[in-house]
Protein backbone atom coordinates (compact mmCIF):
# COMPACT_ATOMS: atom_id res chain seq x y z
CA MET A 1 7.34 -22.18 3.38
CA ASN A 2 8.95 -22.43 -0.05
CA ASN A 3 7.76 -20.20 -2.89
CA SER A 4 5.72 -17.90 -0.66
CA VAL A 5 5.75 -14.11 -0.85
CA VAL A 6 8.23 -12.77 1.69
CA TRP A 7 8.63 -9.08 0.78
CA VAL A 8 7.18 -6.35 -1.44
CA ASP A 9 8.84 -3.13 -2.63
CA ILE A 10 6.40 -0.41 -3.70
CA PRO A 11 8.16 2.24 -5.82
CA VAL A 12 7.35 5.86 -5.00
CA ALA A 13 8.31 9.22 -6.50
CA LYS A 14 8.39 11.15 -3.17
CA LEU A 15 9.17 9.03 -0.14
CA ASP A 16 7.98 11.44 2.56
CA ARG A 17 4.68 12.05 0.76
CA ALA A 18 4.18 8.30 0.31
CA ILE A 19 4.98 7.64 3.99
CA ALA A 20 2.30 10.17 5.01
CA PHE A 21 -0.20 8.63 2.54
CA TYR A 22 0.34 5.02 3.65
CA SER A 23 0.40 5.94 7.36
CA ALA A 24 -2.99 7.65 6.99
CA MET A 25 -4.46 4.92 4.77
CA LEU A 26 -3.31 2.03 6.97
CA GLY A 27 -3.99 3.81 10.26
CA GLN A 28 -0.49 2.79 11.42
CA VAL A 29 2.88 4.49 11.35
CA VAL A 30 5.12 3.77 8.37
CA GLU A 31 8.64 4.17 9.76
CA LYS A 32 11.31 5.93 7.69
CA GLU A 33 14.61 4.08 7.79
CA SER A 34 17.92 5.02 6.22
CA GLY A 35 21.35 3.64 5.59
CA PRO A 36 24.36 4.73 3.58
CA GLY A 37 22.91 5.96 0.29
CA PHE A 38 19.34 4.72 0.76
CA SER A 39 16.07 5.46 2.56
CA PHE A 40 12.80 3.57 2.67
CA GLY A 41 9.44 3.54 4.45
CA LEU A 42 8.96 0.28 6.35
CA LEU A 43 5.33 -0.87 6.13
CA PRO A 44 3.76 -2.36 9.28
CA HIS A 45 3.90 -6.14 8.98
CA ALA A 46 3.67 -9.43 10.82
CA GLU A 47 4.77 -12.20 8.45
CA VAL A 48 5.08 -10.80 4.92
CA GLY A 49 6.77 -7.43 4.93
CA GLY A 50 7.29 -4.61 2.53
CA CYS A 51 8.51 -1.09 2.14
CA LEU A 52 8.17 2.06 0.10
CA VAL A 53 11.28 2.63 -2.03
CA GLU A 54 12.29 5.61 -4.10
CA ALA A 55 11.73 5.02 -7.80
CA THR A 56 14.66 4.18 -10.05
CA ALA A 57 15.03 3.90 -13.82
CA ASP A 58 13.94 0.24 -13.65
CA SER A 59 11.32 0.53 -10.90
CA GLN A 60 8.59 3.14 -11.41
CA PRO A 61 5.17 3.63 -9.79
CA SER A 62 2.54 1.91 -11.92
CA ARG A 63 -1.19 1.39 -12.14
CA THR A 64 -0.73 -1.60 -14.47
CA GLY A 65 1.77 -3.81 -12.61
CA ALA A 66 1.30 -6.43 -9.93
CA LEU A 67 -1.60 -5.77 -7.55
CA VAL A 68 -0.40 -5.68 -3.94
CA TYR A 69 -3.04 -6.33 -1.25
CA LEU A 70 -2.69 -4.49 2.07
CA ASN A 71 -4.61 -5.35 5.22
CA ALA A 72 -7.41 -2.95 6.10
CA GLU A 73 -9.27 -5.42 8.33
CA GLY A 74 -12.34 -3.81 9.86
CA ARG A 75 -11.49 -0.34 8.56
CA LEU A 76 -12.03 -0.30 4.80
CA ALA A 77 -14.28 2.77 4.95
CA GLN A 78 -11.75 4.72 7.04
CA ALA A 79 -8.92 3.65 4.73
CA LEU A 80 -10.84 4.89 1.68
CA ASP A 81 -11.54 8.21 3.41
CA ALA A 82 -7.79 8.53 4.07
CA VAL A 83 -6.97 7.69 0.44
CA LYS A 84 -9.12 10.61 -0.73
CA ALA A 85 -7.84 12.99 1.97
CA GLN A 86 -4.21 12.19 1.13
CA GLY A 87 -4.50 12.81 -2.62
CA GLY A 88 -5.20 9.27 -3.78
CA GLN A 89 -8.12 7.98 -5.81
CA VAL A 90 -10.62 5.16 -5.30
CA LEU A 91 -10.59 3.12 -8.52
CA GLN A 92 -13.04 0.43 -7.33
CA ASP A 93 -15.09 0.95 -4.20
CA THR A 94 -15.51 -1.82 -1.63
CA HIS A 95 -16.79 -5.00 -3.26
CA PRO A 96 -17.02 -8.69 -2.33
CA ILE A 97 -14.45 -11.21 -3.55
CA GLY A 98 -16.41 -14.34 -2.73
CA PRO A 99 -15.33 -16.36 0.31
CA HIS A 100 -12.13 -14.30 0.48
CA GLY A 101 -13.79 -11.22 1.94
CA TRP A 102 -13.92 -7.70 0.56
CA ARG A 103 -11.56 -5.41 -1.27
CA ALA A 104 -11.27 -1.92 -2.69
CA ILE A 105 -8.74 -0.85 -5.28
CA VAL A 106 -7.09 2.54 -4.96
CA LEU A 107 -4.48 4.66 -6.66
CA ASP A 108 -1.94 5.88 -4.12
CA SER A 109 -0.35 9.33 -3.99
CA GLU A 110 2.46 8.07 -6.23
CA GLY A 111 0.41 6.45 -9.02
CA ASN A 112 0.47 2.82 -7.80
CA ARG A 113 -2.65 0.66 -7.96
CA ILE A 114 -3.11 -1.00 -4.54
CA ALA A 115 -5.82 -3.32 -3.17
CA LEU A 116 -7.13 -2.93 0.37
CA HIS A 117 -8.48 -6.16 1.88
CA SER A 118 -10.77 -7.03 4.77
CA MET A 119 -12.80 -10.12 5.63
CA SER A 120 -15.70 -7.82 6.57
CA ALA A 121 -17.09 -4.85 4.67
């Protein structure tokens, strides 16, 4: 499909810490992958993918940039517990978003604002 989202890079200050945070929050393993001169944490995905990338001068963690939604289908409460346990912060607790389900907005361990989405609370 043209003009659809195909990938997301989430900048992080400490890759290993972010991998642990996202693995706990998502309840799935975030795999660390490396190549010559780079490493990243590959987020679990089906169609649209993404990864955690080490911050650079032009790509820093942010709580004011684009809001990335991650799937927490059927496990929003567990995901929010993991956010708190892993050093993140719940900015907006679970709330309805009309016919589009439910979301919560969190601050990850790196300072990024992230939305967690589920069709059920």
